[in-house]
């Protein structure tokens, strides 16, 4: 900003100098050669600009000396004005680029920060609250006017589309602890949630909706919390009124979250679905459709009246979840992998990723469920979280290895503790490998594939 102020000062100074030279030249010709103001102004302009027009009337010796001096000063003044305007122009460009680079460097260095997608009234309130608590955050918005306001407020921001993987990566999603999808479009929030959950499995995601019908879809897509500003405001008003009138305060009951497994399916030439709408498909198959891919174009939260054609790809959610004791029907030549974690979001993420990689994934939330699933389903591999309620992942490895019939199963422990002590203990108690938790979920899947190939 100081550079721009200096440039503006120089532009102003050059204009004053040029105007002063014109006034001085006009006055000089009027006094020395008895020119009128108009004639003096004309002579000054053609002298300074050196256009080569002749004199209005012959000049005296003093008039010619004055003209010579005016030409020299005119050259200097025009050169100064030209240089000043050029410097101002390039300084503005360079300053803008410099500020952007500086901001990108600051964003790249952030850790444990928050990402706000959308800077409307809700986004503004969220940013102010985070700032008041001293938290670091980055705002992503595609509106140039909003970005201009963010620049004036000295906020870290990216002008772009938050549904783009590259934009989220530039915002440091791999190192972020939370993301708030508060865009007015439910389809955009849904897409951001799906993308963000895959880029950072441990990310806390809060999404905004304006209608109750969209809440389940966002939860199923990977959002940890879904909030409706209107519903929240209504609950808050009622609670305050009841408290003010001495009534018992009504506390919000936590919404029931339906755990489901989102995945892509391709429609082949199925006679019973020929010409069917999305709504008819959902009713027949028992799926909820989150997205439609047709001819390379993606449509999120599609209209239920859309008719399906052969080759359509649907992003669907299967309602419900297999009970821990339910027997899994294994697909032909598909290895089974057991995922043990007490975090339902992590379970959903790895179920989706392992399924996409050609596995039949099954899940357990604790050690007891894990041992029962291993006994009943004989998985090829088990991916076990170190920290579980009841007994740890190492205890599970130990109990599994104590059963001779379970020696063929590959056990992978994943943990946030990178200490050699934990690693050695896990290996000694029967783990085949130990993986440190990271934002790169593909590392774990590649390890499982590698272990099963060695088998």
Protein backbone atom coordinates (compact mmCIF):
# COMPACT_ATOMS: atom_id res chain seq x y z
CA UNK A 1 0.00 0.00 0.00
CA UNK A 2 2.87 2.42 0.72
CA UNK A 3 4.18 1.84 -2.80
CA UNK A 4 0.82 2.76 -4.27
CA UNK A 5 0.61 5.90 -2.12
CA UNK A 6 4.08 6.97 -3.29
CA UNK A 7 3.10 6.37 -6.93
CA UNK A 8 -0.05 8.45 -6.53
CA UNK A 9 2.01 11.27 -5.00
CA UNK A 10 4.41 11.26 -7.96
CA UNK A 11 1.55 11.28 -10.48
CA UNK A 12 -0.01 14.25 -8.71
CA UNK A 13 3.36 16.05 -8.61
CA UNK A 14 3.98 15.47 -12.34
CA UNK A 15 0.54 16.84 -13.25
CA UNK A 16 1.11 19.94 -11.09
CA UNK A 17 4.53 20.45 -12.72
CA UNK A 18 3.10 20.18 -16.25
CA UNK A 19 0.23 22.53 -15.46
CA UNK A 20 2.67 25.00 -13.87
CA UNK A 21 4.86 24.90 -16.98
CA UNK A 22 1.86 25.62 -19.24
CA UNK A 23 0.72 28.52 -17.05
CA UNK A 24 4.28 29.88 -16.90
CA UNK A 25 4.71 29.61 -20.68
CA UNK A 26 1.38 31.30 -21.39
CA UNK A 27 2.20 34.12 -18.98
CA UNK A 28 5.73 34.52 -20.42
CA UNK A 29 4.52 34.91 -23.99
CA UNK A 30 1.87 37.37 -22.88
CA UNK A 31 4.43 39.54 -21.07
CA UNK A 32 7.38 39.26 -23.48
CA UNK A 33 5.62 39.20 -26.86
CA UNK A 34 2.32 40.86 -26.00
CA UNK A 35 0.39 37.69 -26.98
CA UNK A 36 -3.20 37.19 -25.96
CA UNK A 37 -3.90 34.43 -23.40
CA UNK A 38 -5.18 32.13 -26.16
CA UNK A 39 -2.15 32.80 -28.40
CA UNK A 40 0.23 32.37 -25.47
CA UNK A 41 -1.39 29.05 -24.49
CA UNK A 42 -1.21 27.82 -28.11
CA UNK A 43 2.49 28.76 -28.42
CA UNK A 44 3.26 27.05 -25.11
CA UNK A 45 1.56 23.79 -26.16
CA UNK A 46 3.24 23.56 -29.59
CA UNK A 47 6.60 24.46 -28.02
CA UNK A 48 6.41 21.86 -25.23
CA UNK A 49 5.16 19.11 -27.56
CA UNK A 50 7.60 20.11 -30.34
CA UNK A 51 5.04 19.53 -33.09
CA UNK A 52 6.91 21.91 -35.42
CA UNK A 53 4.23 24.50 -36.19
CA UNK A 54 5.45 28.01 -37.03
CA UNK A 55 5.33 31.06 -34.83
CA UNK A 56 2.13 33.09 -34.67
CA UNK A 57 4.26 36.19 -35.30
CA UNK A 58 8.03 36.73 -35.34
CA UNK A 59 9.61 36.49 -31.88
CA UNK A 60 12.00 38.97 -30.38
CA UNK A 61 15.41 37.91 -29.09
CA UNK A 62 14.06 37.63 -25.55
CA UNK A 63 11.08 35.66 -26.88
CA UNK A 64 13.36 33.16 -28.61
CA UNK A 65 15.48 32.71 -25.48
CA UNK A 66 12.30 32.14 -23.49
CA UNK A 67 11.12 29.60 -26.09
CA UNK A 68 14.46 27.74 -25.92
CA UNK A 69 14.24 27.48 -22.14
CA UNK A 70 10.58 26.41 -22.42
CA UNK A 71 11.52 23.61 -24.86
CA UNK A 72 14.15 22.25 -22.44
CA UNK A 73 11.78 22.39 -19.49
CA UNK A 74 9.04 20.93 -21.66
CA UNK A 75 11.18 17.90 -22.57
CA UNK A 76 12.02 17.35 -18.92
CA UNK A 77 8.40 17.75 -17.80
CA UNK A 78 6.95 15.38 -20.41
CA UNK A 79 9.67 12.79 -19.69
CA UNK A 80 8.91 13.02 -15.97
CA UNK A 81 5.16 12.72 -16.54
CA UNK A 82 5.61 9.73 -18.86
CA UNK A 83 7.95 7.95 -16.46
CA UNK A 84 5.64 8.62 -13.51
CA UNK A 85 2.56 7.25 -15.27
CA UNK A 86 4.46 4.17 -16.49
CA UNK A 87 5.87 3.49 -13.02
CA UNK A 88 2.43 3.93 -11.48
CA UNK A 89 0.93 1.45 -13.93
CA UNK A 90 3.59 -1.23 -13.42
CA UNK A 91 3.74 -0.64 -9.66
CA UNK A 92 0.03 -1.32 -9.46
CA UNK A 93 0.42 -4.59 -11.36
CA UNK A 94 3.52 -5.67 -9.44
CA UNK A 95 1.99 -4.70 -6.11
CA UNK A 96 -1.14 -6.73 -6.85
CA UNK A 97 0.92 -9.79 -7.83
CA UNK A 98 3.18 -9.34 -4.83
CA UNK A 99 0.22 -9.17 -2.45
CA UNK A 100 -1.27 -12.32 -3.98
CA UNK A 101 2.02 -14.22 -3.69
CA UNK A 102 2.42 -13.09 -0.11
CA UNK A 103 -1.09 -14.26 0.72
CA UNK A 104 -0.57 -17.64 -0.97
CA UNK A 105 2.65 -18.12 1.02
CA UNK A 106 0.80 -17.31 4.26
CA UNK A 107 -1.94 -19.79 3.38
CA UNK A 108 0.63 -22.49 2.52
CA UNK A 109 2.19 -22.12 5.97
CA UNK A 110 -1.09 -22.54 7.86
CA UNK A 111 -1.69 -25.62 10.00
CA UNK A 112 -4.68 -26.69 12.10
CA UNK A 113 -6.75 -23.96 10.47
CA UNK A 114 -10.31 -23.72 9.20
CA UNK A 115 -11.62 -23.35 5.66
CA UNK A 116 -14.78 -21.33 5.06
CA UNK A 117 -16.47 -22.02 1.72
CA UNK A 118 -18.74 -19.09 0.90
CA UNK A 119 -18.63 -15.54 2.23
CA UNK A 120 -22.22 -14.38 2.50
CA UNK A 121 -23.87 -13.14 5.67
CA UNK A 122 -23.37 -16.48 7.41
CA UNK A 123 -19.76 -16.71 6.24
CA UNK A 124 -19.07 -13.21 7.50
CA UNK A 125 -20.48 -14.07 10.93
CA UNK A 126 -18.43 -17.29 11.05
CA UNK A 127 -15.23 -15.44 10.12
CA UNK A 128 -15.82 -12.79 12.78
CA UNK A 129 -16.37 -15.45 15.44
CA UNK A 130 -13.26 -17.40 14.47
CA UNK A 131 -11.23 -14.17 14.46
CA UNK A 132 -12.53 -13.25 17.93
CA UNK A 133 -11.22 -16.57 19.26
CA UNK A 134 -7.85 -16.08 17.55
CA UNK A 135 -8.30 -18.99 15.12
CA UNK A 136 -6.66 -19.05 11.70
CA UNK A 137 -8.91 -19.47 8.69
CA UNK A 138 -9.04 -19.22 4.89
CA UNK A 139 -12.10 -18.11 2.96
CA UNK A 140 -12.93 -19.43 -0.51
CA UNK A 141 -15.37 -17.38 -2.58
CA UNK A 142 -15.96 -16.89 -6.30
CA UNK A 143 -17.58 -13.45 -6.07
CA UNK A 144 -15.09 -10.66 -7.00
CA UNK A 145 -16.95 -8.10 -4.85
CA UNK A 146 -16.75 -10.35 -1.78
CA UNK A 147 -13.05 -10.95 -2.43
CA UNK A 148 -12.47 -7.20 -2.71
CA UNK A 149 -14.10 -6.75 0.69
CA UNK A 150 -11.98 -9.57 2.14
CA UNK A 151 -8.84 -7.88 0.82
CA UNK A 152 -9.83 -4.62 2.51
CA UNK A 153 -10.46 -6.53 5.75
CA UNK A 154 -6.99 -8.15 5.53
CA UNK A 155 -8.45 -11.68 5.51
CA UNK A 156 -6.72 -14.67 3.94
CA UNK A 157 -8.83 -15.74 0.98
CA UNK A 158 -8.81 -17.49 -2.38
CA UNK A 159 -10.93 -16.29 -5.27
CA UNK A 160 -12.18 -19.44 -6.93
CA UNK A 161 -14.63 -22.33 -6.91
CA UNK A 162 -14.60 -24.33 -3.68
CA UNK A 163 -15.87 -27.42 -5.53
CA UNK A 164 -12.53 -27.58 -7.34
CA UNK A 165 -9.97 -30.00 -5.83
CA UNK A 166 -7.11 -27.65 -6.69
CA UNK A 167 -8.71 -24.73 -4.83
CA UNK A 168 -9.21 -26.84 -1.70
CA UNK A 169 -5.61 -28.06 -1.88
CA UNK A 170 -4.38 -24.45 -2.23
CA UNK A 171 -6.40 -23.62 0.89
CA UNK A 172 -4.38 -26.25 2.77
CA UNK A 173 -7.13 -28.82 3.24
CA UNK A 174 -4.56 -31.54 3.97
CA UNK A 175 -3.45 -29.63 7.10
CA UNK A 176 -6.81 -28.10 8.06
CA UNK A 177 -8.83 -29.27 11.06
CA UNK A 178 -12.23 -28.11 9.91
CA UNK A 179 -14.23 -27.04 6.86
CA UNK A 180 -17.48 -25.09 6.80
CA UNK A 181 -19.54 -25.51 3.63
CA UNK A 182 -21.96 -22.59 3.91
CA UNK A 183 -22.77 -21.93 0.27
CA UNK A 184 -26.37 -21.15 -0.72
CA UNK A 185 -26.37 -24.07 -3.19
CA UNK A 186 -26.98 -27.47 -1.59
CA UNK A 187 -25.48 -29.17 -4.66
CA UNK A 188 -22.23 -27.23 -4.20
CA UNK A 189 -22.14 -28.02 -0.47
CA UNK A 190 -22.72 -31.69 -1.26
CA UNK A 191 -19.90 -31.79 -3.80
CA UNK A 192 -17.52 -29.92 -1.46
CA UNK A 193 -18.34 -32.35 1.36
CA UNK A 194 -17.63 -35.39 -0.82
CA UNK A 195 -14.37 -33.93 -2.12
CA UNK A 196 -13.15 -32.64 1.24
CA UNK A 197 -13.86 -35.93 3.01
CA UNK A 198 -11.77 -37.80 0.46
CA UNK A 199 -8.88 -35.30 0.54
CA UNK A 200 -8.73 -35.27 4.35
CA UNK A 201 -10.44 -38.19 6.13
CA UNK A 202 -9.98 -36.71 9.61
CA UNK A 203 -11.41 -33.29 8.69
CA UNK A 204 -14.34 -31.98 10.72
CA UNK A 205 -17.00 -30.87 8.23
CA UNK A 206 -20.00 -28.67 8.98
CA UNK A 207 -22.45 -27.97 6.16
CA UNK A 208 -25.32 -25.53 5.89
CA UNK A 209 -28.73 -26.41 4.45
CA UNK A 210 -31.93 -24.44 4.00
CA UNK A 211 -34.27 -27.42 3.81
CA UNK A 212 -34.71 -30.49 5.99
CA UNK A 213 -34.77 -32.80 2.95
CA UNK A 214 -31.09 -32.09 2.23
CA UNK A 215 -29.80 -32.85 5.74
CA UNK A 216 -29.60 -36.63 5.33
CA UNK A 217 -27.85 -36.32 1.98
CA UNK A 218 -25.07 -34.18 3.42
CA UNK A 219 -24.65 -36.49 6.43
CA UNK A 220 -24.46 -39.46 4.09
CA UNK A 221 -21.94 -37.64 1.90
CA UNK A 222 -19.58 -37.21 4.85
CA UNK A 223 -20.59 -34.09 6.80
CA UNK A 224 -20.15 -34.42 10.56
CA UNK A 225 -22.75 -31.79 11.38
CA UNK A 226 -25.50 -30.29 9.24
CA UNK A 227 -27.02 -26.98 10.32
CA UNK A 228 -30.06 -25.10 9.09
CA UNK A 229 -29.78 -21.40 10.06
CA UNK A 230 -33.56 -21.03 10.08
CA UNK A 231 -34.14 -24.11 12.23
CA UNK A 232 -31.35 -23.11 14.62
CA UNK A 233 -32.73 -19.58 14.88
CA UNK A 234 -36.21 -20.93 15.57
CA UNK A 235 -34.97 -23.25 18.32
CA UNK A 236 -32.93 -20.43 19.83
CA UNK A 237 -35.90 -18.05 19.89
CA UNK A 238 -38.15 -20.65 21.51
CA UNK A 239 -35.53 -21.51 24.14
CA UNK A 240 -35.01 -17.85 25.02
CA UNK A 241 -38.76 -17.22 25.27
CA UNK A 242 -39.32 -20.28 27.46
CA UNK A 243 -36.40 -19.31 29.69
CA UNK A 244 -37.64 -15.71 29.95
CA UNK A 245 -41.16 -16.80 30.92
CA UNK A 246 -39.98 -19.32 33.50
CA UNK A 247 -40.80 -22.41 31.47
CA UNK A 248 -38.54 -25.42 31.18
CA UNK A 249 -35.92 -24.93 28.49
CA UNK A 250 -36.25 -27.24 25.54
CA UNK A 251 -32.91 -28.71 24.63
CA UNK A 252 -32.11 -29.70 21.11
CA UNK A 253 -32.04 -33.44 20.67
CA UNK A 254 -29.14 -34.73 18.60
CA UNK A 255 -30.31 -35.80 15.21
CA UNK A 256 -30.13 -39.44 14.38
CA UNK A 257 -27.44 -40.03 11.81
CA UNK A 258 -28.00 -42.80 9.34
CA UNK A 259 -24.73 -44.42 8.44
CA UNK A 260 -24.68 -45.38 4.80
CA UNK A 261 -22.16 -46.24 2.13
CA UNK A 262 -22.08 -43.92 -0.91
CA UNK A 263 -20.75 -45.39 -4.16
CA UNK A 264 -20.96 -45.11 -7.96
CA UNK A 265 -22.96 -47.62 -10.01
CA UNK A 266 -23.39 -47.86 -13.79
CA UNK A 267 -26.76 -48.63 -15.34
CA UNK A 268 -26.59 -51.42 -17.87
CA UNK A 269 -29.38 -52.50 -20.20
CA UNK A 270 -31.88 -53.41 -17.47
CA UNK A 271 -35.44 -53.93 -18.81
CA UNK A 272 -37.14 -53.04 -15.51
CA UNK A 273 -35.42 -49.63 -15.46
CA UNK A 274 -35.86 -48.72 -19.12
CA UNK A 275 -37.39 -45.22 -19.22
CA UNK A 276 -37.66 -45.08 -15.42
CA UNK A 277 -37.23 -41.83 -13.54
CA UNK A 278 -34.79 -41.34 -10.69
CA UNK A 279 -37.68 -41.50 -8.24
CA UNK A 280 -38.86 -44.83 -9.66
CA UNK A 281 -35.28 -46.14 -9.53
CA UNK A 282 -34.97 -45.13 -5.86
CA UNK A 283 -38.27 -46.80 -4.99
CA UNK A 284 -37.40 -50.05 -6.81
CA UNK A 285 -33.81 -50.36 -5.60
CA UNK A 286 -34.06 -48.72 -2.18
CA UNK A 287 -31.24 -46.28 -2.95
CA UNK A 288 -30.97 -42.55 -2.52
CA UNK A 289 -29.40 -40.84 -5.55
CA UNK A 290 -26.87 -38.11 -4.67
CA UNK A 291 -25.48 -37.52 -8.16
CA UNK A 292 -25.87 -38.38 -11.84
CA UNK A 293 -23.04 -38.62 -14.38
CA UNK A 294 -24.09 -38.61 -18.03
CA UNK A 295 -21.82 -38.11 -21.06
CA UNK A 296 -18.99 -36.92 -18.83
CA UNK A 297 -21.06 -34.25 -17.08
CA UNK A 298 -21.84 -34.42 -13.36
CA UNK A 299 -25.17 -33.33 -11.90
CA UNK A 300 -25.40 -33.21 -8.11
CA UNK A 301 -28.73 -33.56 -6.30
CA UNK A 302 -30.55 -34.27 -9.61
CA UNK A 303 -34.29 -33.78 -10.09
CA UNK A 304 -36.30 -36.93 -9.38
CA UNK A 305 -38.19 -36.54 -12.69
CA UNK A 306 -35.07 -37.15 -14.81
CA UNK A 307 -35.41 -40.29 -16.92
CA UNK A 308 -32.55 -42.78 -16.86
CA UNK A 309 -30.77 -44.11 -19.93
CA UNK A 310 -28.32 -46.96 -20.42
CA UNK A 311 -24.79 -45.95 -19.45
CA UNK A 312 -25.81 -43.45 -16.78
CA UNK A 313 -23.64 -43.48 -13.66
CA UNK A 314 -25.38 -42.84 -10.36
CA UNK A 315 -23.81 -41.85 -7.06
CA UNK A 316 -26.07 -43.70 -4.67
CA UNK A 317 -26.38 -44.32 -0.95
CA UNK A 318 -27.54 -47.64 0.40
CA UNK A 319 -29.82 -47.07 3.35
CA UNK A 320 -28.85 -48.66 6.64
CA UNK A 321 -25.78 -50.60 7.61
CA UNK A 322 -24.93 -54.23 8.15
CA UNK A 323 -25.10 -55.23 11.77
CA UNK A 324 -21.75 -56.29 13.22
CA UNK A 325 -22.90 -59.89 13.60
CA UNK A 326 -24.51 -60.11 10.18
CA UNK A 327 -22.83 -62.52 7.81
CA UNK A 328 -21.24 -60.84 4.78
CA UNK A 329 -21.92 -62.33 1.37
CA UNK A 330 -18.58 -62.21 -0.35
CA UNK A 331 -18.39 -61.28 -3.99
CA UNK A 332 -16.57 -63.74 -6.17
CA UNK A 333 -12.76 -63.44 -6.04
CA UNK A 334 -13.02 -60.28 -3.93
CA UNK A 335 -10.90 -60.07 -0.74
CA UNK A 336 -12.65 -59.05 2.46
CA UNK A 337 -11.10 -56.34 4.61
CA UNK A 338 -12.30 -55.55 8.14
CA UNK A 339 -12.05 -51.90 9.22
CA UNK A 340 -12.07 -51.34 12.99
CA UNK A 341 -12.57 -47.75 14.16
CA UNK A 342 -14.86 -46.01 16.63
CA UNK A 343 -15.19 -42.97 14.36
CA UNK A 344 -18.19 -43.47 12.01
CA UNK A 345 -16.87 -40.89 9.55
CA UNK A 346 -13.55 -42.73 9.16
CA UNK A 347 -15.44 -46.00 8.76
CA UNK A 348 -17.58 -44.56 5.96
CA UNK A 349 -14.56 -43.11 4.22
CA UNK A 350 -12.52 -46.32 4.22
CA UNK A 351 -15.52 -48.42 3.25
CA UNK A 352 -15.90 -46.24 0.16
CA UNK A 353 -12.19 -46.27 -0.69
CA UNK A 354 -11.68 -50.02 -0.14
CA UNK A 355 -14.82 -50.82 -2.13
CA UNK A 356 -13.53 -48.66 -4.98
CA UNK A 357 -10.22 -50.55 -4.82
CA UNK A 358 -11.93 -53.91 -5.35
CA UNK A 359 -12.44 -55.12 -1.76
CA UNK A 360 -15.50 -56.20 0.15
CA UNK A 361 -15.27 -53.98 3.25
CA UNK A 362 -16.88 -54.82 6.59
CA UNK A 363 -16.75 -52.72 9.74
CA UNK A 364 -16.59 -52.89 13.52
CA UNK A 365 -16.71 -50.10 16.11
CA UNK A 366 -14.85 -51.82 18.96
CA UNK A 367 -12.75 -54.82 19.91
CA UNK A 368 -15.62 -57.17 20.75
CA UNK A 369 -17.31 -56.52 17.42
CA UNK A 370 -14.00 -56.93 15.60
CA UNK A 371 -13.28 -60.36 17.12
CA UNK A 372 -16.79 -61.53 16.32
CA UNK A 373 -16.54 -60.31 12.71
CA UNK A 374 -13.19 -62.05 12.27
CA UNK A 375 -14.58 -65.32 13.61
CA UNK A 376 -17.71 -65.25 11.46
CA UNK A 377 -16.45 -63.72 8.21
CA UNK A 378 -12.78 -64.78 7.96
CA UNK A 379 -11.54 -61.54 6.34
CA UNK A 380 -8.28 -61.52 4.38
CA UNK A 381 -7.05 -58.42 6.21
CA UNK A 382 -8.01 -56.24 9.16
CA UNK A 383 -7.19 -52.55 9.48
CA UNK A 384 -7.37 -51.68 13.18
CA UNK A 385 -7.24 -48.31 14.94
CA UNK A 386 -4.80 -48.27 17.87
CA UNK A 387 -7.05 -46.26 20.19
CA UNK A 388 -10.40 -47.94 20.75
CA UNK A 389 -12.82 -48.07 23.61
CA UNK A 390 -12.45 -51.13 25.84
CA UNK A 391 -9.16 -52.58 24.65
CA UNK A 392 -6.62 -51.25 22.19
CA UNK A 393 -5.81 -52.27 18.63
CA UNK A 394 -2.71 -54.07 19.91
CA UNK A 395 -4.91 -56.14 22.24
CA UNK A 396 -7.03 -57.14 19.25
CA UNK A 397 -3.92 -58.23 17.33
CA UNK A 398 -2.80 -60.30 20.31
CA UNK A 399 -6.19 -62.01 20.73
CA UNK A 400 -6.44 -62.76 17.00
CA UNK A 401 -2.97 -64.32 16.88
CA UNK A 402 -3.72 -66.47 19.94
CA UNK A 403 -6.25 -68.29 17.77
CA UNK A 404 -4.25 -70.56 15.46
CA UNK A 405 -6.98 -70.51 12.83
CA UNK A 406 -6.57 -66.74 12.44
CA UNK A 407 -2.87 -66.75 11.56
CA UNK A 408 -3.57 -66.24 7.85
CA UNK A 409 -5.26 -62.88 8.31
CA UNK A 410 -3.10 -59.80 7.68
CA UNK A 411 -3.30 -57.33 10.57
CA UNK A 412 -2.52 -53.65 10.01
CA UNK A 413 -2.48 -51.26 12.95
CA UNK A 414 -2.86 -47.57 12.19
CA UNK A 415 -2.07 -45.00 14.82
CA UNK A 416 -1.33 -41.31 15.38
CA UNK A 417 1.60 -42.27 17.63
CA UNK A 418 4.79 -42.56 15.57
CA UNK A 419 6.93 -43.84 18.46
CA UNK A 420 9.20 -46.87 17.99
CA UNK A 421 7.86 -48.32 21.23
CA UNK A 422 4.30 -48.59 19.88
CA UNK A 423 5.52 -49.95 16.55
CA UNK A 424 7.70 -52.65 18.14
CA UNK A 425 4.96 -53.63 20.58
CA UNK A 426 2.41 -53.98 17.79
CA UNK A 427 4.74 -56.18 15.71
CA UNK A 428 5.56 -58.33 18.75
CA UNK A 429 1.86 -58.86 19.44
CA UNK A 430 1.08 -60.02 15.91
CA UNK A 431 0.59 -56.99 13.66
CA UNK A 432 1.98 -57.43 10.14
CA UNK A 433 2.45 -53.70 9.66
CA UNK A 434 2.01 -50.38 11.46
CA UNK A 435 0.89 -47.26 9.61
CA UNK A 436 1.00 -43.74 10.97
CA UNK A 437 -2.24 -41.85 10.37
CA UNK A 438 -2.00 -39.24 7.64
CA UNK A 439 -4.21 -37.33 5.25
CA UNK A 440 -3.11 -39.62 2.39
CA UNK A 441 -5.61 -42.47 2.67
CA UNK A 442 -4.18 -44.22 -0.41
CA UNK A 443 -1.05 -45.22 1.56
CA UNK A 444 -3.05 -47.56 3.79
CA UNK A 445 -4.91 -49.15 0.90
CA UNK A 446 -1.70 -49.73 -1.07
CA UNK A 447 -0.15 -51.38 2.00
CA UNK A 448 -3.09 -53.79 2.33
CA UNK A 449 -2.87 -54.67 -1.36
CA UNK A 450 0.88 -55.27 -1.04
CA UNK A 451 0.51 -57.54 2.01
CA UNK A 452 -2.17 -59.65 0.34
CA UNK A 453 -0.01 -60.09 -2.76
CA UNK A 454 2.78 -61.53 -0.62
CA UNK A 455 0.42 -64.03 0.88
